[in-house]
């Protein structure tokens, strides 16, 4: 898998966000770019649906993005950064109620997401990319609300990069959601 310097990927992400914003569609940078990593493997974006954008199926195509796969909730694109170097771009859909959960999920990192799902399960909740739930009730909308409800330290996106190093005593194995 190719790795890309943060500034290369940031330039692409900012251009995509800007082009869609001019069309009244709002995207938020997530993933390793949002966490401030120096190198990234791909670009993760979260699209706000419900206004001009009804679902990702109606997302206007940008000429510099090649559609790979997707449906109403997720799209995968490719973009040539330079000759012979293609970066993957994942776009996830969220509405106003699920934006916090989706940003938490899409920003990661994966080990932190697994840890949060374990904590949710221990407390009788269900955590997924749409947010934190108790049964059918959506109980936390923002990233901070989710972390507070789970009684874990409230980490911003940059602090999550150090989470594994600082919390290696937690065992993180995938849990069924």
N, C-alpha and C. Protein backbone atom coordinates (compact mmCIF):
# COMPACT_ATOMS: atom_id res chain seq x y z
N UNK A 1 0.84 -1.18 0.00
CA UNK A 1 0.00 0.00 0.00
C UNK A 1 0.89 1.24 0.00
N UNK A 2 0.53 2.18 -0.82
CA UNK A 2 1.29 3.43 -0.90
C UNK A 2 0.99 4.31 0.30
N UNK A 3 1.98 5.07 0.69
CA UNK A 3 1.83 6.07 1.73
C UNK A 3 2.05 7.43 1.08
N UNK A 4 1.38 8.44 1.60
CA UNK A 4 1.45 9.77 1.03
C UNK A 4 1.78 10.76 2.13
N UNK A 5 2.57 11.75 1.78
CA UNK A 5 2.88 12.81 2.74
C UNK A 5 1.59 13.56 3.05
N UNK A 6 1.49 14.00 4.30
CA UNK A 6 0.29 14.68 4.76
C UNK A 6 -0.05 15.87 3.87
N UNK A 7 0.95 16.65 3.46
CA UNK A 7 0.65 17.85 2.67
C UNK A 7 0.12 17.50 1.28
N UNK A 8 0.58 16.38 0.69
CA UNK A 8 0.03 15.94 -0.60
C UNK A 8 -1.44 15.58 -0.46
N UNK A 9 -1.74 14.75 0.53
CA UNK A 9 -3.11 14.30 0.75
C UNK A 9 -4.01 15.46 1.17
N UNK A 10 -3.50 16.35 2.02
CA UNK A 10 -4.28 17.50 2.48
C UNK A 10 -4.68 18.39 1.31
N UNK A 11 -3.76 18.59 0.37
CA UNK A 11 -4.05 19.41 -0.81
C UNK A 11 -5.22 18.82 -1.60
N UNK A 12 -5.21 17.50 -1.79
CA UNK A 12 -6.30 16.82 -2.51
C UNK A 12 -7.60 16.93 -1.72
N UNK A 13 -7.55 16.62 -0.42
CA UNK A 13 -8.75 16.67 0.41
C UNK A 13 -9.36 18.07 0.44
N UNK A 14 -8.52 19.08 0.62
CA UNK A 14 -9.03 20.46 0.66
C UNK A 14 -9.66 20.87 -0.66
N UNK A 15 -9.09 20.42 -1.77
CA UNK A 15 -9.66 20.75 -3.09
C UNK A 15 -11.03 20.09 -3.25
N UNK A 16 -11.15 18.84 -2.82
CA UNK A 16 -12.44 18.13 -2.93
C UNK A 16 -13.48 18.81 -2.04
N UNK A 17 -13.13 19.09 -0.79
CA UNK A 17 -14.05 19.74 0.14
C UNK A 17 -14.50 21.09 -0.43
N UNK A 18 -13.56 21.86 -0.97
CA UNK A 18 -13.87 23.17 -1.52
C UNK A 18 -14.80 23.07 -2.73
N UNK A 19 -14.53 22.14 -3.63
CA UNK A 19 -15.38 21.99 -4.82
C UNK A 19 -16.81 21.63 -4.45
N UNK A 20 -16.97 20.72 -3.49
CA UNK A 20 -18.32 20.35 -3.07
C UNK A 20 -18.98 21.48 -2.29
N UNK A 21 -18.22 22.19 -1.48
CA UNK A 21 -18.79 23.28 -0.70
C UNK A 21 -19.35 24.36 -1.63
N UNK A 22 -18.67 24.60 -2.76
CA UNK A 22 -19.18 25.58 -3.73
C UNK A 22 -20.54 25.15 -4.29
N UNK A 23 -20.80 23.83 -4.27
CA UNK A 23 -22.08 23.32 -4.75
C UNK A 23 -23.09 23.19 -3.60
N UNK A 24 -22.72 23.66 -2.39
CA UNK A 24 -23.63 23.61 -1.26
C UNK A 24 -23.65 22.26 -0.55
N UNK A 25 -22.63 21.45 -0.78
CA UNK A 25 -22.52 20.13 -0.15
C UNK A 25 -21.35 20.17 0.82
N UNK A 26 -21.59 19.71 2.05
CA UNK A 26 -20.58 19.84 3.08
C UNK A 26 -19.91 18.50 3.39
N UNK A 27 -18.59 18.52 3.31
CA UNK A 27 -17.76 17.37 3.64
C UNK A 27 -16.80 17.77 4.75
N UNK A 28 -16.47 16.78 5.60
CA UNK A 28 -15.55 17.00 6.71
C UNK A 28 -14.40 16.01 6.58
N UNK A 29 -13.19 16.50 6.77
CA UNK A 29 -12.02 15.64 6.72
C UNK A 29 -12.00 14.78 7.97
N UNK A 30 -11.72 13.49 7.80
CA UNK A 30 -11.66 12.54 8.91
C UNK A 30 -10.36 11.73 8.76
N UNK A 31 -10.33 10.57 9.38
CA UNK A 31 -9.20 9.65 9.24
C UNK A 31 -7.89 10.21 9.74
N UNK A 32 -6.81 9.67 9.18
CA UNK A 32 -5.47 10.03 9.63
C UNK A 32 -5.13 11.48 9.31
N UNK A 33 -5.76 12.06 8.29
CA UNK A 33 -5.54 13.49 8.01
C UNK A 33 -6.08 14.34 9.16
N UNK A 34 -7.26 13.99 9.64
CA UNK A 34 -7.85 14.75 10.75
C UNK A 34 -7.03 14.57 12.03
N UNK A 35 -6.41 13.41 12.17
CA UNK A 35 -5.58 13.16 13.35
C UNK A 35 -4.20 13.80 13.22
N UNK A 36 -3.89 14.40 12.06
CA UNK A 36 -2.63 15.10 11.89
C UNK A 36 -1.44 14.20 11.65
N UNK A 37 -1.67 13.01 11.11
CA UNK A 37 -0.56 12.09 10.82
C UNK A 37 0.33 12.66 9.72
N UNK A 38 1.61 12.41 9.82
CA UNK A 38 2.57 12.91 8.82
C UNK A 38 2.46 12.17 7.51
N UNK A 39 2.05 10.91 7.56
CA UNK A 39 1.83 10.12 6.35
C UNK A 39 0.47 9.45 6.46
N UNK A 40 -0.19 9.31 5.30
CA UNK A 40 -1.52 8.69 5.28
C UNK A 40 -1.58 7.66 4.16
N UNK A 41 -2.46 6.70 4.31
CA UNK A 41 -2.66 5.70 3.27
C UNK A 41 -3.79 6.05 2.33
N UNK A 42 -4.74 6.84 2.83
CA UNK A 42 -5.87 7.27 2.01
C UNK A 42 -6.48 8.53 2.61
N UNK A 43 -7.56 8.99 2.02
CA UNK A 43 -8.27 10.16 2.50
C UNK A 43 -9.66 9.72 2.91
N UNK A 44 -10.06 10.07 4.13
CA UNK A 44 -11.41 9.78 4.62
C UNK A 44 -12.16 11.09 4.76
N UNK A 45 -13.37 11.11 4.20
CA UNK A 45 -14.23 12.28 4.27
C UNK A 45 -15.61 11.85 4.74
N UNK A 46 -16.31 12.73 5.43
CA UNK A 46 -17.69 12.48 5.84
C UNK A 46 -18.55 13.55 5.18
N UNK A 47 -19.57 13.10 4.45
CA UNK A 47 -20.49 14.00 3.75
C UNK A 47 -21.76 14.17 4.57
N UNK A 48 -22.19 15.41 4.74
CA UNK A 48 -23.42 15.70 5.45
C UNK A 48 -24.58 15.58 4.48
N UNK A 49 -25.46 14.62 4.72
CA UNK A 49 -26.63 14.43 3.87
C UNK A 49 -27.86 15.00 4.55
N UNK A 50 -28.84 15.34 3.75
CA UNK A 50 -30.09 15.86 4.28
C UNK A 50 -30.45 17.23 3.73
N UNK A 51 -29.49 18.00 3.30
CA UNK A 51 -29.78 19.30 2.70
C UNK A 51 -29.82 19.12 1.19
N UNK A 52 -28.86 19.73 0.51
CA UNK A 52 -28.77 19.58 -0.95
C UNK A 52 -28.46 18.15 -1.35
N UNK A 53 -27.74 17.45 -0.50
CA UNK A 53 -27.34 16.07 -0.79
C UNK A 53 -28.30 15.12 -0.09
N UNK A 54 -29.05 14.35 -0.87
CA UNK A 54 -30.02 13.43 -0.30
C UNK A 54 -29.39 12.11 0.11
N UNK A 55 -28.40 11.65 -0.62
CA UNK A 55 -27.62 10.46 -0.28
C UNK A 55 -26.36 10.50 -1.13
N UNK A 56 -25.42 9.63 -0.85
CA UNK A 56 -24.21 9.61 -1.67
C UNK A 56 -24.50 9.20 -3.11
N UNK A 57 -25.64 8.54 -3.33
CA UNK A 57 -26.00 8.18 -4.70
C UNK A 57 -26.22 9.42 -5.57
N UNK A 58 -26.55 10.54 -4.93
CA UNK A 58 -26.79 11.78 -5.69
C UNK A 58 -25.59 12.73 -5.61
N UNK A 59 -24.47 12.26 -5.08
CA UNK A 59 -23.26 13.09 -5.00
C UNK A 59 -22.75 13.38 -6.41
N UNK A 60 -22.65 14.66 -6.79
CA UNK A 60 -22.14 14.97 -8.14
C UNK A 60 -20.72 14.44 -8.30
N UNK A 61 -20.42 13.95 -9.47
CA UNK A 61 -19.09 13.41 -9.76
C UNK A 61 -18.11 14.54 -10.10
N UNK A 62 -16.95 14.48 -9.48
CA UNK A 62 -15.88 15.41 -9.83
C UNK A 62 -15.02 14.74 -10.89
N UNK A 63 -14.61 15.50 -11.88
CA UNK A 63 -13.84 14.96 -12.98
C UNK A 63 -12.53 14.32 -12.58
N UNK A 64 -11.93 14.76 -11.49
CA UNK A 64 -10.63 14.23 -11.09
C UNK A 64 -10.73 13.02 -10.16
N UNK A 65 -11.96 12.55 -9.87
CA UNK A 65 -12.16 11.38 -9.03
C UNK A 65 -12.74 10.24 -9.86
N UNK A 66 -12.15 9.06 -9.74
CA UNK A 66 -12.68 7.87 -10.40
C UNK A 66 -13.47 7.06 -9.39
N UNK A 67 -14.73 6.85 -9.68
CA UNK A 67 -15.60 6.06 -8.81
C UNK A 67 -15.16 4.59 -8.86
N UNK A 68 -15.02 3.98 -7.70
CA UNK A 68 -14.62 2.57 -7.62
C UNK A 68 -15.82 1.71 -7.22
N UNK A 69 -16.49 2.10 -6.11
CA UNK A 69 -17.66 1.34 -5.66
C UNK A 69 -18.42 2.17 -4.63
N UNK A 70 -19.64 1.73 -4.34
CA UNK A 70 -20.39 2.40 -3.29
C UNK A 70 -21.87 2.40 -3.51
N UNK A 71 -22.57 2.91 -2.50
CA UNK A 71 -24.02 3.00 -2.53
C UNK A 71 -24.47 4.28 -1.85
N UNK A 72 -25.55 4.20 -1.10
CA UNK A 72 -26.13 5.39 -0.48
C UNK A 72 -25.34 5.89 0.72
N UNK A 73 -24.58 5.00 1.39
CA UNK A 73 -23.91 5.35 2.64
C UNK A 73 -22.39 5.46 2.54
N UNK A 74 -21.80 4.91 1.49
CA UNK A 74 -20.34 4.87 1.38
C UNK A 74 -19.94 4.85 -0.09
N UNK A 75 -18.92 5.62 -0.42
CA UNK A 75 -18.33 5.62 -1.76
C UNK A 75 -16.81 5.51 -1.64
N UNK A 76 -16.22 4.81 -2.59
CA UNK A 76 -14.75 4.73 -2.70
C UNK A 76 -14.38 5.29 -4.06
N UNK A 77 -13.42 6.22 -4.05
CA UNK A 77 -12.90 6.84 -5.26
C UNK A 77 -11.39 6.65 -5.30
N UNK A 78 -10.82 6.94 -6.45
CA UNK A 78 -9.37 7.02 -6.61
C UNK A 78 -9.03 8.33 -7.27
N UNK A 79 -7.87 8.86 -6.93
CA UNK A 79 -7.40 10.12 -7.49
C UNK A 79 -5.90 9.99 -7.72
N UNK A 80 -5.45 10.43 -8.90
CA UNK A 80 -4.02 10.41 -9.21
C UNK A 80 -3.36 11.64 -8.60
N UNK A 81 -2.51 11.42 -7.61
CA UNK A 81 -1.77 12.53 -7.01
C UNK A 81 -0.68 12.98 -7.96
N UNK A 82 0.03 12.02 -8.50
CA UNK A 82 1.02 12.28 -9.54
C UNK A 82 1.15 11.00 -10.36
N UNK A 83 1.85 11.09 -11.40
CA UNK A 83 1.99 9.94 -12.31
C UNK A 83 2.41 8.68 -11.54
N UNK A 84 1.58 7.66 -11.65
CA UNK A 84 1.88 6.39 -10.99
C UNK A 84 1.54 6.32 -9.51
N UNK A 85 1.01 7.41 -8.93
CA UNK A 85 0.64 7.42 -7.50
C UNK A 85 -0.84 7.76 -7.36
N UNK A 86 -1.61 6.75 -6.99
CA UNK A 86 -3.05 6.91 -6.84
C UNK A 86 -3.42 6.79 -5.37
N UNK A 87 -4.21 7.73 -4.89
CA UNK A 87 -4.68 7.69 -3.51
C UNK A 87 -6.16 7.33 -3.49
N UNK A 88 -6.54 6.49 -2.53
CA UNK A 88 -7.94 6.14 -2.35
C UNK A 88 -8.65 7.19 -1.52
N UNK A 89 -9.90 7.42 -1.84
CA UNK A 89 -10.71 8.40 -1.12
C UNK A 89 -12.01 7.72 -0.70
N UNK A 90 -12.23 7.65 0.60
CA UNK A 90 -13.46 7.07 1.15
C UNK A 90 -14.36 8.20 1.61
N UNK A 91 -15.60 8.17 1.15
CA UNK A 91 -16.59 9.17 1.58
C UNK A 91 -17.73 8.43 2.26
N UNK A 92 -18.01 8.81 3.49
CA UNK A 92 -19.05 8.22 4.32
C UNK A 92 -20.20 9.22 4.45
N UNK A 93 -21.43 8.75 4.49
CA UNK A 93 -22.60 9.62 4.64
C UNK A 93 -23.01 9.71 6.10
N UNK A 94 -23.42 10.91 6.52
CA UNK A 94 -23.96 11.13 7.87
C UNK A 94 -24.97 12.25 7.80
N UNK A 95 -25.97 12.19 8.68
CA UNK A 95 -26.89 13.32 8.79
C UNK A 95 -26.56 14.08 10.07
N UNK A 96 -27.34 15.09 10.40
CA UNK A 96 -27.03 15.91 11.57
C UNK A 96 -26.97 15.08 12.86
N UNK A 97 -27.80 14.05 12.96
CA UNK A 97 -27.84 13.23 14.17
C UNK A 97 -26.73 12.20 14.25
N UNK A 98 -26.16 11.83 13.11
CA UNK A 98 -25.15 10.78 13.09
C UNK A 98 -23.74 11.31 12.78
N UNK A 99 -23.62 12.61 12.58
CA UNK A 99 -22.32 13.19 12.20
C UNK A 99 -21.24 12.91 13.25
N UNK A 100 -21.55 13.09 14.52
CA UNK A 100 -20.57 12.85 15.58
C UNK A 100 -20.09 11.41 15.60
N UNK A 101 -21.01 10.47 15.53
CA UNK A 101 -20.64 9.06 15.52
C UNK A 101 -19.82 8.70 14.30
N UNK A 102 -20.20 9.26 13.15
CA UNK A 102 -19.46 8.95 11.92
C UNK A 102 -18.07 9.57 11.95
N UNK A 103 -17.93 10.79 12.46
CA UNK A 103 -16.60 11.40 12.56
C UNK A 103 -15.71 10.61 13.52
N UNK A 104 -16.28 10.14 14.63
CA UNK A 104 -15.53 9.32 15.57
C UNK A 104 -15.04 8.05 14.89
N UNK A 105 -15.95 7.37 14.20
CA UNK A 105 -15.63 6.12 13.49
C UNK A 105 -14.61 6.36 12.38
N UNK A 106 -14.87 7.34 11.53
CA UNK A 106 -14.02 7.57 10.35
C UNK A 106 -12.67 8.17 10.71
N UNK A 107 -12.57 8.83 11.86
CA UNK A 107 -11.30 9.41 12.28
C UNK A 107 -10.42 8.36 12.95
N UNK A 108 -11.03 7.45 13.70
CA UNK A 108 -10.27 6.37 14.32
C UNK A 108 -9.28 6.87 15.36
N UNK A 109 -8.16 6.14 15.50
CA UNK A 109 -7.73 4.96 14.75
C UNK A 109 -8.52 3.71 15.15
N UNK A 110 -8.33 2.64 14.39
CA UNK A 110 -9.11 1.42 14.56
C UNK A 110 -9.04 0.87 15.99
N UNK A 111 -7.84 0.83 16.58
CA UNK A 111 -7.71 0.30 17.95
C UNK A 111 -8.54 1.12 18.94
N UNK A 112 -8.59 2.42 18.75
CA UNK A 112 -9.38 3.27 19.65
C UNK A 112 -10.88 2.98 19.45
N UNK A 113 -11.29 2.81 18.21
CA UNK A 113 -12.69 2.48 17.93
C UNK A 113 -13.07 1.14 18.58
N UNK A 114 -12.19 0.16 18.49
CA UNK A 114 -12.45 -1.15 19.10
C UNK A 114 -12.58 -0.99 20.61
N UNK A 115 -11.67 -0.24 21.21
CA UNK A 115 -11.72 0.01 22.65
C UNK A 115 -13.06 0.66 23.03
N UNK A 116 -13.50 1.67 22.28
CA UNK A 116 -14.76 2.34 22.60
C UNK A 116 -15.94 1.38 22.48
N UNK A 117 -15.93 0.52 21.48
CA UNK A 117 -17.02 -0.46 21.34
C UNK A 117 -17.02 -1.45 22.51
N UNK A 118 -15.83 -1.82 22.97
CA UNK A 118 -15.75 -2.70 24.14
C UNK A 118 -16.35 -2.02 25.37
N UNK A 119 -16.01 -0.74 25.55
CA UNK A 119 -16.54 0.01 26.70
C UNK A 119 -18.06 0.14 26.60
N UNK A 120 -18.56 0.37 25.40
CA UNK A 120 -20.01 0.47 25.20
C UNK A 120 -20.69 -0.84 25.58
N UNK A 121 -20.13 -1.92 25.11
CA UNK A 121 -20.72 -3.24 25.40
C UNK A 121 -20.73 -3.51 26.91
N UNK A 122 -19.64 -3.17 27.60
CA UNK A 122 -19.55 -3.36 29.05
C UNK A 122 -20.64 -2.59 29.79
N UNK A 123 -21.04 -1.44 29.24
CA UNK A 123 -22.01 -0.57 29.91
C UNK A 123 -23.43 -0.77 29.39
N UNK A 124 -23.64 -1.80 28.56
CA UNK A 124 -24.98 -2.09 28.07
C UNK A 124 -25.42 -1.20 26.92
N UNK A 125 -24.46 -0.56 26.25
CA UNK A 125 -24.76 0.28 25.10
C UNK A 125 -24.36 -0.45 23.82
N UNK A 126 -24.68 0.17 22.72
CA UNK A 126 -24.26 -0.29 21.41
C UNK A 126 -23.65 0.91 20.68
N UNK A 127 -22.39 0.79 20.28
CA UNK A 127 -21.71 1.87 19.56
C UNK A 127 -21.43 1.41 18.15
N UNK A 128 -21.86 2.22 17.19
CA UNK A 128 -21.51 1.97 15.79
C UNK A 128 -21.22 3.32 15.14
N UNK A 129 -21.03 3.31 13.83
CA UNK A 129 -20.66 4.54 13.15
C UNK A 129 -21.79 5.59 13.15
N UNK A 130 -22.96 5.21 13.60
CA UNK A 130 -24.07 6.16 13.66
C UNK A 130 -24.21 6.80 15.03
N UNK A 131 -23.46 6.29 16.01
CA UNK A 131 -23.51 6.89 17.33
C UNK A 131 -23.63 5.85 18.43
N UNK A 132 -23.98 6.33 19.62
CA UNK A 132 -24.11 5.49 20.80
C UNK A 132 -25.59 5.28 21.09
N UNK A 133 -25.94 4.03 21.33
CA UNK A 133 -27.35 3.64 21.48
C UNK A 133 -27.55 2.83 22.75
N UNK A 134 -28.72 2.99 23.33
CA UNK A 134 -29.22 2.08 24.36
C UNK A 134 -30.53 1.57 23.80
N UNK A 135 -30.51 0.32 23.37
CA UNK A 135 -31.67 -0.23 22.67
C UNK A 135 -31.88 0.55 21.37
N UNK A 136 -33.08 1.08 21.19
CA UNK A 136 -33.39 1.86 19.99
C UNK A 136 -33.20 3.36 20.19
N UNK A 137 -32.75 3.76 21.39
CA UNK A 137 -32.62 5.19 21.70
C UNK A 137 -31.19 5.67 21.44
N UNK A 138 -31.08 6.69 20.62
CA UNK A 138 -29.80 7.33 20.29
C UNK A 138 -29.46 8.24 21.47
N UNK A 139 -28.40 7.91 22.23
CA UNK A 139 -28.16 8.64 23.47
C UNK A 139 -27.00 9.61 23.43
N UNK A 140 -26.19 9.59 22.39
CA UNK A 140 -25.07 10.54 22.30
C UNK A 140 -24.85 10.90 20.83
N UNK A 141 -24.80 12.20 20.55
CA UNK A 141 -24.70 12.66 19.17
C UNK A 141 -23.29 13.09 18.76
N UNK A 142 -22.53 13.64 19.68
CA UNK A 142 -21.21 14.17 19.31
C UNK A 142 -20.11 13.23 19.79
N UNK A 143 -18.90 13.44 19.26
CA UNK A 143 -17.76 12.64 19.70
C UNK A 143 -17.53 12.79 21.20
N UNK A 144 -17.58 14.01 21.69
CA UNK A 144 -17.38 14.24 23.12
C UNK A 144 -18.48 13.58 23.96
N UNK A 145 -19.74 13.71 23.54
CA UNK A 145 -20.85 13.10 24.28
C UNK A 145 -20.67 11.59 24.36
N UNK A 146 -20.22 10.98 23.26
CA UNK A 146 -20.02 9.52 23.25
C UNK A 146 -18.95 9.14 24.26
N UNK A 147 -17.83 9.85 24.25
CA UNK A 147 -16.74 9.54 25.17
C UNK A 147 -17.15 9.76 26.62
N UNK A 148 -17.89 10.83 26.90
CA UNK A 148 -18.35 11.11 28.27
C UNK A 148 -19.32 10.01 28.72
N UNK A 149 -20.27 9.63 27.86
CA UNK A 149 -21.24 8.59 28.22
C UNK A 149 -20.55 7.25 28.50
N UNK A 150 -19.44 7.00 27.81
CA UNK A 150 -18.70 5.75 28.01
C UNK A 150 -17.72 5.84 29.18
N UNK A 151 -17.63 7.04 29.79
CA UNK A 151 -16.73 7.26 30.94
C UNK A 151 -15.28 6.94 30.59
N UNK A 152 -14.86 7.40 29.40
CA UNK A 152 -13.46 7.28 28.98
C UNK A 152 -12.91 8.70 28.85
N UNK A 153 -11.60 8.86 28.90
CA UNK A 153 -11.04 10.21 28.72
C UNK A 153 -11.50 10.79 27.37
N UNK A 154 -11.88 12.05 27.39
CA UNK A 154 -12.31 12.73 26.18
C UNK A 154 -11.06 13.13 25.40
N UNK A 155 -10.80 12.41 24.31
CA UNK A 155 -9.61 12.66 23.49
C UNK A 155 -10.00 13.39 22.22
N UNK A 156 -9.26 14.44 21.90
CA UNK A 156 -9.50 15.08 20.60
C UNK A 156 -8.83 14.22 19.53
N UNK A 157 -9.01 14.61 18.28
CA UNK A 157 -8.51 13.78 17.19
C UNK A 157 -6.99 13.61 17.20
N UNK A 158 -6.23 14.63 17.66
CA UNK A 158 -4.77 14.52 17.68
C UNK A 158 -4.30 13.58 18.79
N UNK A 159 -4.98 13.64 19.93
CA UNK A 159 -4.60 12.79 21.05
C UNK A 159 -4.83 11.31 20.75
N UNK A 160 -5.73 11.01 19.83
CA UNK A 160 -6.02 9.62 19.50
C UNK A 160 -4.83 8.92 18.85
N UNK A 161 -3.93 9.68 18.22
CA UNK A 161 -2.73 9.07 17.64
C UNK A 161 -1.87 8.42 18.71
N UNK A 162 -1.85 9.01 19.90
CA UNK A 162 -1.03 8.50 21.00
C UNK A 162 -1.78 7.51 21.88
N UNK A 163 -3.04 7.28 21.60
CA UNK A 163 -3.87 6.45 22.47
C UNK A 163 -3.26 5.07 22.69
N UNK A 164 -2.89 4.39 21.62
CA UNK A 164 -2.37 3.03 21.76
C UNK A 164 -1.09 3.01 22.59
N UNK A 165 -0.19 3.94 22.34
CA UNK A 165 1.07 4.01 23.08
C UNK A 165 0.81 4.26 24.56
N UNK A 166 -0.14 5.14 24.86
CA UNK A 166 -0.40 5.51 26.25
C UNK A 166 -1.31 4.52 26.98
N UNK A 167 -1.99 3.66 26.25
CA UNK A 167 -2.96 2.74 26.85
C UNK A 167 -2.73 1.30 26.40
N UNK A 168 -1.48 0.91 26.27
CA UNK A 168 -1.15 -0.43 25.77
C UNK A 168 -1.66 -1.52 26.69
N UNK A 169 -2.04 -1.18 27.91
CA UNK A 169 -2.54 -2.18 28.86
C UNK A 169 -3.95 -2.64 28.52
N UNK A 170 -4.66 -1.89 27.68
CA UNK A 170 -5.99 -2.33 27.25
C UNK A 170 -5.84 -3.36 26.14
N UNK A 171 -6.58 -4.43 26.26
CA UNK A 171 -6.57 -5.43 25.20
C UNK A 171 -7.68 -5.04 24.23
N UNK A 172 -7.32 -4.87 22.96
CA UNK A 172 -8.32 -4.47 21.97
C UNK A 172 -8.44 -5.57 20.93
N UNK A 173 -9.49 -6.35 21.09
CA UNK A 173 -9.83 -7.36 20.09
C UNK A 173 -11.20 -6.99 19.57
N UNK A 174 -11.40 -7.23 18.31
CA UNK A 174 -12.66 -6.85 17.68
C UNK A 174 -13.83 -7.43 18.46
N UNK A 175 -14.88 -6.62 18.58
CA UNK A 175 -16.10 -7.07 19.26
C UNK A 175 -17.25 -6.97 18.28
N UNK A 176 -18.17 -7.89 18.40
CA UNK A 176 -19.37 -7.82 17.57
C UNK A 176 -20.19 -6.63 18.01
N UNK A 177 -20.64 -5.84 17.05
CA UNK A 177 -21.41 -4.65 17.43
C UNK A 177 -22.88 -4.94 17.48
